[in-house]
């Protein structure tokens, strides 16, 4: 069975993963703020890359914690 709470030494890894995800989300927001009204293909490619990075960092962030079911067994 997976422990619900990570060991103390794993907490720093979880913090770093959360910080990386936060940075990725902020970069995506900054991009959207400067996005021109009519994006060109380079803008679309950059957005796709930013979304991929955001999804990867989110997965890394979530990988460290097991979430207990809220439903009664």
Protein backbone atom coordinates (compact mmCIF):
# COMPACT_ATOMS: atom_id res chain seq x y z
CA UNK A 1 0.00 0.00 0.00
CA UNK A 2 1.25 3.49 -0.83
CA UNK A 3 1.86 5.85 2.08
CA UNK A 4 -0.31 8.94 1.93
CA UNK A 5 2.46 11.13 3.33
CA UNK A 6 5.90 11.23 1.71
CA UNK A 7 9.08 10.78 3.72
CA UNK A 8 10.70 14.00 4.92
CA UNK A 9 13.48 13.77 2.31
CA UNK A 10 10.88 13.50 -0.47
CA UNK A 11 9.18 16.72 0.55
CA UNK A 12 11.89 18.87 -0.99
CA UNK A 13 11.47 17.05 -4.29
CA UNK A 14 7.73 17.69 -4.10
CA UNK A 15 8.33 21.38 -3.37
CA UNK A 16 10.64 21.65 -6.36
CA UNK A 17 8.11 19.92 -8.59
CA UNK A 18 5.41 22.33 -7.40
CA UNK A 19 7.69 25.31 -8.00
CA UNK A 20 8.51 24.08 -11.52
CA UNK A 21 4.79 23.73 -12.26
CA UNK A 22 4.08 27.21 -10.92
CA UNK A 23 6.84 28.63 -13.13
CA UNK A 24 5.45 26.82 -16.18
CA UNK A 25 1.95 28.18 -15.54
CA UNK A 26 3.32 31.71 -15.11
CA UNK A 27 5.27 31.46 -18.37
CA UNK A 28 2.09 30.38 -20.14
CA UNK A 29 0.19 33.32 -18.64
CA UNK A 30 2.94 35.76 -19.66
CA UNK A 31 2.86 34.39 -23.20
CA UNK A 32 -0.92 34.80 -23.42
CA UNK A 33 -0.65 38.40 -22.18
CA UNK A 34 1.74 39.31 -25.01
CA UNK A 35 0.07 37.17 -27.69
CA UNK A 36 -0.92 39.30 -30.68
CA UNK A 37 -4.53 39.45 -31.79
CA UNK A 38 -3.62 37.35 -34.84
CA UNK A 39 -1.05 34.73 -33.80
CA UNK A 40 1.37 33.44 -36.40
CA UNK A 41 2.62 29.83 -36.71
CA UNK A 42 5.59 30.55 -34.44
CA UNK A 43 3.20 31.80 -31.73
CA UNK A 44 1.13 28.62 -32.03
CA UNK A 45 4.24 26.45 -31.80
CA UNK A 46 5.44 28.34 -28.73
CA UNK A 47 2.04 27.95 -27.10
CA UNK A 48 2.04 24.22 -27.80
CA UNK A 49 5.49 23.93 -26.21
CA UNK A 50 4.39 25.90 -23.16
CA UNK A 51 1.32 23.70 -22.72
CA UNK A 52 3.43 20.55 -23.02
CA UNK A 53 5.83 21.84 -20.37
CA UNK A 54 2.94 22.78 -18.10
CA UNK A 55 1.41 19.30 -18.47
CA UNK A 56 4.75 17.60 -17.79
CA UNK A 57 5.45 19.64 -14.68
CA UNK A 58 1.91 19.01 -13.43
CA UNK A 59 2.41 15.28 -13.85
CA UNK A 60 5.72 15.49 -11.97
CA UNK A 61 4.02 17.43 -9.19
CA UNK A 62 1.20 14.92 -8.89
CA UNK A 63 3.41 11.85 -9.03
CA UNK A 64 4.72 12.35 -5.52
CA UNK A 65 1.49 12.24 -3.56
CA UNK A 66 -1.15 9.58 -3.34
CA UNK A 67 -4.64 10.93 -2.79
CA UNK A 68 -7.00 8.86 -0.67
CA UNK A 69 -10.42 8.21 -2.07
CA UNK A 70 -13.13 10.40 -0.61
CA UNK A 71 -15.67 7.63 -1.05
CA UNK A 72 -16.40 5.22 1.76
CA UNK A 73 -15.22 1.72 1.05
